[in-house]
Amino acid sequence: MPALLFSLMKNYLSSPQMTLRMFAADLLVFSSILSAAWGQSVLSVSLPKTLNSTSGSCLLIPCLFNISKEKENILDSSPEATWRRGSLWSLYDTDRFTIDHRQKEPVMEVLGDLRKKNCTSVMRNLTSLHSDRYYFRIQAENFGATGTRAVHINVSDSLAEPNVTVPVLREGEEVNLTCTAPAPCPSHPPNVIWAPALGGDVTQRTQLNADGTQTVSAILNFVPSFHHHELKVNCVSIHPLHREDRPLLSHKMVILSVEYPPKETWISLTGLVWLGDKVTLTCQSNANPPAVHRWFKKRAGVEEELGISHVLSFTAAHENTGEYICEAQNQYGAMNSTNLQITVIGISFTAFLSILTALSLLIFALLALLILMIYRRWKEPVRSETSQDQNIYTNVSASAVKSEQLQSKPCEDENTSTINPEHTFKHDLPDESIYANC
């Protein structure tokens, strides 16, 4: 009995939700139990310590009891079995216990056969106000006894997450994912599903636990592949309610981790490789668990191992020319990358820039010279045409002067020259325009 008192005190000290009123009520319960314990215990009850349910649902309370042999005969007289709330303990069997207090009690129904000492009961239409400690009581004519052990019932407006069991997943090995949700109300069990189902088969199973409670499990059977790695999968529990409302949902999401050998292995390298450059080769692979990377170089038909590292770095020299291979390996297998040919260019990048600059300057000079020659060739014909125009102008001017001289000369020789008529008629006469000005 001291152990029972110590257990009672420990429960209150460890629970932040306990109030002084509840503690006082339990002290009254304990005093009643203590008074009966000093005599011979006539009723002992076996039931779970804690049960959880949801508002609007029901709750099955697994219960078995034993009664002293002297009182077993009352079981044949159809005794009354009830449950008493710890918070109302001080009011029972008094005038203060009213109809209002009775309405605060949940609807209870004893399903078990009392003659077989089975006190399994069900609570219906639960609300959060029904959360309390409950004690089983059996009563007959001139007899009444209350169990010393209580069940703590928690009624919430939300559902707890289902329990998910995921074993080690290996590619190609058949496996089961199990999602389990409590079934506090066996007449309305939850519907448990997997989403997505990953192309596998889902089987539902109802299980009776050692304490008499029930659970519903959804077992997903499938064969994982590397495509399932890091895939999000949800276990969903759908609970029907004893009210006109939508069902309550609870779910738990898990991220799958599938172990598989390397599927892709490649080497990443950016840019050209010049003599004296700092070269960094990175080996990439898709594997779980992550692969170990081993480097090889093949040159002139000879393969050389370079070491184990995710990154391979070196300063480019002529002897670094060759084919580079990366091997990715974990506990499930290995895979090589494609060969990467690296040819170290014979000059350094700085020297290449110097040569490129000199060539650029040379090309620029040649272009300038070409443009100058084209300009000169275009300029000379223009000058030639100008000189020709000037000569033509000079010749035309000279002809005009000579013509004027010819026109004025016949007038000057009119009085002094003798005209031979015979000659005049035999030869062409001068242009009459010449004499028109005389």
Protein backbone atom coordinates (compact mmCIF):
# COMPACT_ATOMS: atom_id res chain seq x y z
CA MET A 1 0.00 0.00 0.00
CA PRO A 2 2.83 2.52 0.62
CA ALA A 3 4.00 1.71 -2.88
CA LEU A 4 0.55 2.61 -4.21
CA LEU A 5 0.63 5.94 -2.37
CA PHE A 6 4.12 6.65 -3.71
CA SER A 7 2.97 5.85 -7.25
CA LEU A 8 0.00 8.19 -6.88
CA MET A 9 2.20 11.06 -5.66
CA LYS A 10 4.71 10.44 -8.45
CA ASN A 11 2.00 10.65 -11.14
CA TYR A 12 0.85 14.05 -9.92
CA LEU A 13 4.30 15.50 -9.50
CA SER A 14 5.30 14.40 -13.02
CA SER A 15 2.14 15.63 -14.76
CA PRO A 16 1.86 19.40 -15.38
CA GLN A 17 -1.84 19.05 -16.19
CA MET A 18 -2.86 17.91 -12.71
CA THR A 19 -4.78 20.44 -10.61
CA LEU A 20 -5.23 20.73 -6.89
CA ARG A 21 -8.87 19.73 -7.23
CA MET A 22 -7.99 16.57 -9.11
CA PHE A 23 -5.34 15.75 -6.56
CA ALA A 24 -7.86 16.13 -3.74
CA ALA A 25 -10.31 13.89 -5.58
CA ASP A 26 -7.69 11.20 -5.95
CA LEU A 27 -6.87 11.45 -2.27
CA LEU A 28 -10.49 10.66 -1.53
CA VAL A 29 -10.31 7.73 -3.90
CA PHE A 30 -7.14 6.56 -2.26
CA SER A 31 -8.63 6.87 1.22
CA SER A 32 -11.53 4.66 0.16
CA ILE A 33 -9.14 2.15 -1.36
CA LEU A 34 -6.96 2.27 1.73
CA SER A 35 -9.88 1.58 4.05
CA ALA A 36 -10.82 -1.49 2.04
CA ALA A 37 -7.25 -2.64 1.80
CA TRP A 38 -6.83 -2.91 5.55
CA GLY A 39 -9.39 -5.69 5.35
CA GLN A 40 -9.49 -8.42 2.78
CA SER A 41 -9.43 -7.21 -0.83
CA VAL A 42 -12.52 -8.52 -2.58
CA LEU A 43 -12.08 -6.95 -6.11
CA SER A 44 -8.99 -6.59 -8.24
CA VAL A 45 -9.12 -5.25 -11.78
CA SER A 46 -6.72 -5.69 -14.68
CA LEU A 47 -6.84 -3.01 -17.40
CA PRO A 48 -4.50 -0.69 -19.39
CA LYS A 49 -2.98 2.29 -17.62
CA THR A 50 -3.80 4.77 -20.39
CA LEU A 51 -6.16 4.81 -23.36
CA ASN A 52 -6.54 7.49 -26.04
CA SER A 53 -9.49 8.34 -28.22
CA THR A 54 -10.92 11.16 -30.31
CA SER A 55 -13.90 13.43 -29.86
CA GLY A 56 -16.95 12.00 -31.60
CA SER A 57 -15.61 8.47 -31.51
CA CYS A 58 -15.94 5.62 -29.06
CA LEU A 59 -13.42 3.80 -26.87
CA LEU A 60 -13.08 0.15 -25.96
CA ILE A 61 -11.75 -0.51 -22.45
CA PRO A 62 -10.30 -4.02 -22.11
CA CYS A 63 -11.04 -5.16 -18.57
CA LEU A 64 -10.76 -8.35 -16.48
CA PHE A 65 -11.40 -8.71 -12.77
CA ASN A 66 -11.17 -11.14 -9.89
CA ILE A 67 -13.44 -11.30 -6.87
CA SER A 68 -12.96 -13.11 -3.59
CA LYS A 69 -14.40 -16.59 -3.45
CA GLU A 70 -16.80 -15.59 -0.71
CA LYS A 71 -18.42 -13.10 -3.07
CA GLU A 72 -18.33 -15.02 -6.35
CA ASN A 73 -21.93 -16.09 -5.89
CA ILE A 74 -23.09 -12.53 -6.56
CA LEU A 75 -22.01 -12.92 -10.19
CA ASP A 76 -24.95 -15.23 -10.74
CA SER A 77 -27.41 -12.60 -9.54
CA SER A 78 -26.77 -10.21 -12.46
CA PRO A 79 -24.86 -7.52 -10.57
CA GLU A 80 -24.63 -3.98 -11.88
CA ALA A 81 -21.29 -2.92 -13.36
CA THR A 82 -20.43 0.78 -13.66
CA TRP A 83 -17.46 3.10 -14.04
CA ARG A 84 -16.78 6.01 -11.75
CA ARG A 85 -14.87 9.16 -12.61
CA GLY A 86 -12.06 10.18 -10.34
CA SER A 87 -13.02 13.86 -10.51
CA LEU A 88 -16.53 13.07 -9.22
CA TRP A 89 -15.47 10.56 -6.60
CA SER A 90 -16.44 12.71 -3.62
CA LEU A 91 -19.96 13.16 -4.97
CA TYR A 92 -20.89 9.55 -5.51
CA ASP A 93 -23.33 8.04 -3.00
CA THR A 94 -24.23 11.52 -1.70
CA ASP A 95 -27.09 13.92 -2.16
CA ARG A 96 -24.80 16.27 -4.04
CA PHE A 97 -24.57 13.92 -7.00
CA THR A 98 -27.19 15.44 -9.30
CA ILE A 99 -28.49 14.89 -12.81
CA ASP A 100 -25.98 17.48 -14.06
CA HIS A 101 -23.14 15.35 -12.73
CA ARG A 102 -24.66 12.27 -14.31
CA GLN A 103 -24.71 14.04 -17.67
CA LYS A 104 -21.00 14.65 -17.37
CA GLU A 105 -20.38 10.92 -17.46
CA PRO A 106 -19.92 9.27 -20.85
CA VAL A 107 -22.34 6.69 -22.19
CA MET A 108 -20.94 3.38 -20.95
CA GLU A 109 -21.77 -0.16 -21.95
CA VAL A 110 -20.30 -3.32 -20.46
CA LEU A 111 -19.65 -5.81 -23.25
CA GLY A 112 -17.93 -8.52 -21.25
CA ASP A 113 -19.60 -11.42 -19.50
CA LEU A 114 -19.40 -10.69 -15.77
CA ARG A 115 -19.92 -14.35 -14.93
CA LYS A 116 -16.64 -14.98 -16.73
CA LYS A 117 -15.07 -12.05 -14.88
CA ASN A 118 -14.82 -10.02 -18.06
CA CYS A 119 -15.59 -6.32 -17.52
CA THR A 120 -14.62 -5.08 -21.02
CA SER A 121 -16.64 -1.95 -21.72
CA VAL A 122 -17.13 0.68 -24.38
CA MET A 123 -17.57 4.46 -24.06
CA ARG A 124 -19.57 6.22 -26.75
CA ASN A 125 -19.99 9.81 -28.00
CA LEU A 126 -16.82 10.97 -26.33
CA THR A 127 -15.76 14.59 -25.98
CA SER A 128 -12.66 16.17 -24.56
CA LEU A 129 -14.63 16.81 -21.33
CA HIS A 130 -14.64 13.06 -20.69
CA SER A 131 -10.89 12.93 -20.14
CA ASP A 132 -10.45 11.57 -16.61
CA ARG A 133 -9.45 8.58 -14.46
CA TYR A 134 -12.03 5.83 -14.38
CA TYR A 135 -12.52 3.05 -11.82
CA PHE A 136 -14.53 -0.11 -12.36
CA ARG A 137 -17.25 -0.85 -9.80
CA ILE A 138 -19.48 -3.88 -9.32
CA GLN A 139 -22.57 -3.65 -7.19
CA ALA A 140 -25.27 -6.07 -6.04
CA GLU A 141 -27.77 -6.34 -3.22
CA ASN A 142 -25.96 -5.70 0.04
CA PHE A 143 -22.64 -5.63 -1.82
CA GLY A 144 -20.53 -3.03 -3.55
CA ALA A 145 -16.83 -2.97 -4.47
CA THR A 146 -14.65 -0.61 -6.53
CA GLY A 147 -11.41 -1.58 -8.17
CA THR A 148 -8.23 -0.03 -6.83
CA ARG A 149 -6.68 0.47 -10.24
CA ALA A 150 -7.78 3.24 -12.61
CA VAL A 151 -7.46 3.70 -16.35
CA HIS A 152 -6.50 7.19 -17.50
CA ILE A 153 -8.56 8.11 -20.56
CA ASN A 154 -7.45 10.97 -22.82
CA VAL A 155 -9.94 12.32 -25.37
CA SER A 156 -8.56 14.85 -27.87
CA ASP A 157 -9.93 16.73 -30.83
CA SER A 158 -7.04 15.66 -33.07
CA LEU A 159 -5.39 12.41 -33.97
CA ALA A 160 -1.90 11.31 -33.21
CA GLU A 161 0.40 10.36 -36.06
CA PRO A 162 0.34 6.72 -37.09
CA ASN A 163 3.38 4.61 -36.39
CA VAL A 164 5.53 3.77 -39.42
CA THR A 165 8.08 0.96 -39.61
CA VAL A 166 10.59 1.10 -42.47
CA PRO A 167 13.31 -1.56 -42.65
CA VAL A 168 16.58 -1.21 -44.55
CA LEU A 169 15.76 -0.75 -48.24
CA ARG A 170 18.07 -2.34 -50.81
CA GLU A 171 17.54 -2.19 -54.53
CA GLY A 172 15.98 -5.35 -55.91
CA GLU A 173 15.11 -6.85 -52.51
CA GLU A 174 11.42 -7.26 -51.69
CA VAL A 175 10.43 -5.43 -48.52
CA ASN A 176 7.42 -4.46 -46.38
CA LEU A 177 6.58 -0.97 -45.11
CA THR A 178 4.17 -1.08 -42.17
CA CYS A 179 1.88 1.74 -41.04
CA THR A 180 -0.06 1.18 -37.81
CA ALA A 181 -2.87 3.27 -36.32
CA PRO A 182 -4.78 2.62 -33.09
CA ALA A 183 -8.35 1.39 -33.31
CA PRO A 184 -9.90 2.66 -30.06
CA CYS A 185 -13.38 1.96 -31.41
CA PRO A 186 -13.37 -1.53 -32.97
CA SER A 187 -16.86 -1.07 -34.42
CA HIS A 188 -15.53 1.81 -36.51
CA PRO A 189 -11.88 0.99 -37.26
CA PRO A 190 -9.70 3.47 -39.16
CA ASN A 191 -8.86 3.04 -42.81
CA VAL A 192 -5.08 3.03 -43.21
CA ILE A 193 -3.54 3.60 -46.65
CA TRP A 194 -0.19 4.36 -48.31
CA ALA A 195 0.16 7.21 -50.78
CA PRO A 196 1.70 6.65 -53.21
CA ALA A 197 1.58 2.86 -53.21
CA LEU A 198 4.88 2.64 -55.22
CA GLY A 199 3.35 0.07 -57.54
CA GLY A 200 3.19 -2.49 -54.74
CA ASP A 201 0.47 -4.41 -52.93
CA VAL A 202 -1.18 -3.03 -49.76
CA THR A 203 -2.75 -5.37 -47.19
CA GLN A 204 -4.75 -4.23 -44.14
CA ARG A 205 -4.60 -6.22 -40.93
CA THR A 206 -6.30 -5.81 -37.52
CA GLN A 207 -4.20 -6.86 -34.56
CA LEU A 208 -5.15 -7.51 -30.93
CA ASN A 209 -2.45 -6.27 -28.58
CA ALA A 210 -1.37 -7.85 -25.31
CA ASP A 211 -3.26 -5.24 -23.24
CA GLY A 212 -6.51 -5.92 -25.11
CA THR A 213 -6.40 -2.84 -27.36
CA GLN A 214 -6.58 -3.11 -31.13
CA THR A 215 -4.61 -1.59 -34.00
CA VAL A 216 -5.03 -1.53 -37.77
CA SER A 217 -1.97 -1.90 -39.99
CA ALA A 218 -1.44 -1.28 -43.69
CA ILE A 219 1.44 -3.37 -45.06
CA LEU A 220 2.98 -2.16 -48.33
CA ASN A 221 4.92 -4.85 -50.17
CA PHE A 222 7.15 -3.66 -53.03
CA VAL A 223 10.58 -4.02 -54.61
CA PRO A 224 12.59 -0.79 -54.21
CA SER A 225 14.82 0.65 -56.92
CA PHE A 226 17.15 3.62 -57.01
CA HIS A 227 14.27 5.68 -58.44
CA HIS A 228 12.58 5.39 -55.02
CA HIS A 229 15.55 6.94 -53.22
CA GLU A 230 14.62 10.15 -51.34
CA LEU A 231 10.99 9.70 -52.39
CA LYS A 232 8.37 11.06 -49.96
CA VAL A 233 5.71 8.54 -48.97
CA ASN A 234 2.71 9.21 -46.74
CA CYS A 235 0.90 6.86 -44.39
CA VAL A 236 -2.68 8.13 -43.95
CA SER A 237 -5.13 7.05 -41.24
CA ILE A 238 -8.81 7.94 -41.81
CA HIS A 239 -10.98 7.72 -38.69
CA PRO A 240 -14.80 7.67 -38.96
CA LEU A 241 -16.75 9.52 -36.28
CA HIS A 242 -20.05 8.98 -34.44
CA ARG A 243 -21.36 12.32 -35.61
CA GLU A 244 -22.39 14.08 -38.79
CA ASP A 245 -18.99 15.40 -39.66
CA ARG A 246 -16.10 14.72 -41.95
CA PRO A 247 -13.75 11.90 -40.96
CA LEU A 248 -10.58 12.85 -39.14
CA LEU A 249 -7.30 12.35 -40.93
CA SER A 250 -3.84 11.80 -39.58
CA HIS A 251 -0.74 11.09 -41.58
CA LYS A 252 2.97 10.62 -41.28
CA MET A 253 5.45 11.31 -44.05
CA VAL A 254 8.65 9.34 -44.47
CA ILE A 255 11.53 9.85 -46.90
CA LEU A 256 12.78 6.58 -48.32
CA SER A 257 16.47 5.80 -48.32
CA VAL A 258 17.25 3.07 -50.83
CA GLU A 259 20.74 1.60 -50.96
CA TYR A 260 22.04 0.81 -54.46
CA PRO A 261 25.31 0.51 -56.40
CA PRO A 262 26.68 3.37 -58.54
CA LYS A 263 24.40 4.13 -61.46
CA GLU A 264 26.14 7.07 -63.11
CA THR A 265 29.80 8.00 -62.98
CA TRP A 266 31.38 10.86 -64.91
CA ILE A 267 34.31 13.27 -64.81
CA SER A 268 33.77 17.02 -64.97
CA LEU A 269 36.44 19.27 -66.49
CA THR A 270 36.05 22.79 -67.82
CA GLY A 271 38.28 24.60 -70.30
CA LEU A 272 41.40 23.67 -72.25
CA VAL A 273 44.54 22.30 -70.63
CA TRP A 274 47.66 24.40 -71.19
CA LEU A 275 51.16 23.74 -70.12
CA GLY A 276 51.59 24.85 -66.50
CA ASP A 277 47.84 25.18 -65.80
CA LYS A 278 46.31 24.04 -62.52
CA VAL A 279 43.98 21.18 -63.51
CA THR A 280 41.14 19.92 -61.29
CA LEU A 281 39.18 16.79 -62.19
CA THR A 282 36.01 16.00 -60.22
CA CYS A 283 34.45 12.54 -60.18
CA GLN A 284 30.66 12.52 -59.87
CA SER A 285 28.56 9.44 -59.15
CA ASN A 286 25.01 8.49 -58.19
CA ALA A 287 25.15 5.89 -55.43
CA ASN A 288 23.84 5.19 -51.93
CA PRO A 289 25.75 4.89 -49.72
CA PRO A 290 28.13 7.38 -51.39
CA ALA A 291 30.79 5.75 -53.48
CA VAL A 292 34.55 5.79 -53.01
CA HIS A 293 36.31 7.21 -56.09
CA ARG A 294 39.51 5.74 -57.50
CA TRP A 295 41.50 7.42 -60.33
CA PHE A 296 43.38 5.77 -63.21
CA LYS A 297 45.38 7.13 -66.17
CA LYS A 298 45.96 5.20 -69.38
CA ARG A 299 48.80 6.18 -71.70
CA ALA A 300 50.38 4.20 -74.49
CA GLY A 301 48.36 1.15 -73.46
CA VAL A 302 49.64 1.26 -69.85
CA GLU A 303 47.13 1.90 -67.04
CA GLU A 304 48.35 3.62 -63.88
CA GLU A 305 46.45 4.07 -60.61
CA LEU A 306 46.61 7.67 -59.38
CA GLY A 307 44.91 7.38 -55.98
CA ILE A 308 41.59 7.49 -54.11
CA SER A 309 39.91 10.87 -53.97
CA HIS A 310 36.77 12.69 -55.03
CA VAL A 311 38.92 15.38 -56.71
CA LEU A 312 42.16 14.92 -58.66
CA SER A 313 44.42 18.00 -59.03
CA PHE A 314 47.76 18.49 -60.78
CA THR A 315 49.84 21.08 -62.63
CA ALA A 316 49.67 20.36 -66.34
CA ALA A 317 52.85 18.96 -67.87
CA HIS A 318 53.50 16.96 -71.02
CA GLU A 319 53.54 13.70 -69.03
CA ASN A 320 49.96 14.39 -67.89
CA THR A 321 48.67 13.75 -71.39
CA GLY A 322 46.52 10.60 -71.47
CA GLU A 323 43.11 9.07 -70.81
CA TYR A 324 41.68 9.57 -67.31
CA ILE A 325 39.21 7.12 -65.75
CA CYS A 326 37.28 7.36 -62.47
CA GLU A 327 35.91 4.26 -60.75
CA ALA A 328 33.04 4.68 -58.26
CA GLN A 329 32.54 1.82 -55.81
CA ASN A 330 30.42 1.07 -52.74
CA GLN A 331 29.44 -2.14 -50.95
CA TYR A 332 26.92 -3.05 -53.66
CA GLY A 333 29.03 -2.64 -56.80
CA ALA A 334 31.30 -0.48 -58.94
CA MET A 335 31.07 1.55 -62.15
CA ASN A 336 33.66 3.29 -64.32
CA SER A 337 33.28 6.63 -66.00
CA THR A 338 33.87 7.10 -69.70
CA ASN A 339 37.49 7.82 -70.61
CA LEU A 340 38.43 11.50 -70.59
CA GLN A 341 41.25 12.34 -73.03
CA ILE A 342 43.49 15.16 -71.82
CA THR A 343 46.11 16.59 -74.17
CA VAL A 344 48.41 19.20 -72.69
CA ILE A 345 49.05 21.95 -75.24
CA GLY A 346 52.80 22.49 -75.84
CA ILE A 347 52.97 26.10 -74.72
CA SER A 348 51.73 27.88 -71.67
CA PHE A 349 48.67 30.02 -71.79
CA THR A 350 50.77 33.15 -71.10
CA ALA A 351 53.02 32.44 -74.06
CA PHE A 352 49.97 31.77 -76.18
CA LEU A 353 48.56 35.16 -75.24
CA SER A 354 51.86 36.85 -76.14
CA ILE A 355 51.92 35.19 -79.56
CA LEU A 356 48.27 36.00 -80.08
CA THR A 357 48.92 39.66 -79.22
CA ALA A 358 51.88 39.85 -81.64
CA LEU A 359 49.82 38.27 -84.42
CA SER A 360 46.99 40.68 -83.74
CA LEU A 361 49.35 43.66 -84.01
CA LEU A 362 50.83 42.29 -87.25
CA ILE A 363 47.41 41.76 -88.76
CA PHE A 364 46.41 45.26 -87.70
CA ALA A 365 49.51 46.72 -89.37
CA LEU A 366 48.87 44.80 -92.59
CA LEU A 367 45.27 45.97 -92.67
CA ALA A 368 46.38 49.57 -92.18
CA LEU A 369 48.89 49.25 -95.03
CA LEU A 370 46.28 47.71 -97.29
CA ILE A 371 43.83 50.49 -96.53
CA LEU A 372 46.52 53.11 -97.32
CA MET A 373 47.34 51.50 -100.69
CA ILE A 374 43.68 51.32 -101.62
CA TYR A 375 43.28 54.98 -100.71
CA ARG A 376 46.22 56.01 -102.91
CA ARG A 377 45.00 54.03 -105.90
CA TRP A 378 41.62 55.66 -105.55
CA LYS A 379 43.14 59.14 -105.33
CA GLU A 380 45.40 58.97 -108.52
CA PRO A 381 42.61 58.54 -111.13
CA VAL A 382 40.89 61.61 -109.74
CA ARG A 383 44.05 63.69 -110.26
CA SER A 384 44.51 62.33 -113.84
CA GLU A 385 40.95 63.24 -114.77
CA THR A 386 41.50 66.76 -113.42
CA SER A 387 44.67 67.25 -115.52
CA GLN A 388 42.90 65.98 -118.63
CA ASP A 389 40.07 68.43 -118.06
CA GLN A 390 42.59 71.24 -117.74
CA ASN A 391 44.31 70.25 -121.06
CA ILE A 392 40.98 70.13 -122.83
CA TYR A 393 40.18 73.58 -121.50
CA THR A 394 43.59 74.89 -122.70
CA ASN A 395 43.14 73.43 -126.22
CA VAL A 396 39.65 74.84 -126.50
CA SER A 397 40.91 78.28 -125.52
CA ALA A 398 43.76 78.13 -128.01
CA SER A 399 41.38 77.15 -130.83
CA ALA A 400 39.12 80.03 -130.00
CA VAL A 401 41.98 82.49 -130.18
CA LYS A 402 43.18 81.13 -133.51
CA SER A 403 39.65 81.32 -134.90
CA GLU A 404 39.42 84.94 -134.00
CA GLN A 405 42.69 85.60 -135.77
CA LEU A 406 41.44 83.94 -138.93
CA GLN A 407 38.26 85.98 -138.91
CA SER A 408 40.09 89.26 -138.61
CA LYS A 409 42.77 88.58 -141.26
CA PRO A 410 40.60 88.93 -144.50
CA CYS A 411 39.54 92.36 -143.45
CA GLU A 412 43.11 93.53 -143.05
CA ASP A 413 44.14 92.34 -146.58
CA GLU A 414 41.10 93.83 -148.42
CA ASN A 415 42.92 96.85 -149.97
CA THR A 416 46.24 95.32 -150.62
CA SER A 417 45.57 91.84 -151.93
CA THR A 418 44.68 91.04 -155.55
CA ILE A 419 42.06 88.47 -155.97
CA ASN A 420 42.43 86.19 -158.91
CA PRO A 421 38.97 85.46 -160.08
CA GLU A 422 40.08 82.30 -161.73
CA HIS A 423 41.61 81.10 -158.54
CA THR A 424 38.63 82.17 -156.59
CA PHE A 425 36.21 80.10 -158.54
CA LYS A 426 38.45 77.07 -158.71
CA HIS A 427 39.05 76.80 -155.01
CA ASP A 428 36.67 76.76 -152.14
CA LEU A 429 35.64 80.10 -150.98
CA PRO A 430 36.31 81.10 -147.43
CA ASP A 431 33.50 80.79 -144.98
CA GLU A 432 31.14 83.67 -145.39
CA SER A 433 31.02 84.02 -141.66
CA ILE A 434 34.54 85.22 -141.77
CA TYR A 435 33.59 88.24 -143.81
CA ALA A 436 30.47 88.88 -141.96
CA ASN A 437 32.44 90.62 -139.31
CA CYS A 438 34.35 92.90 -141.72
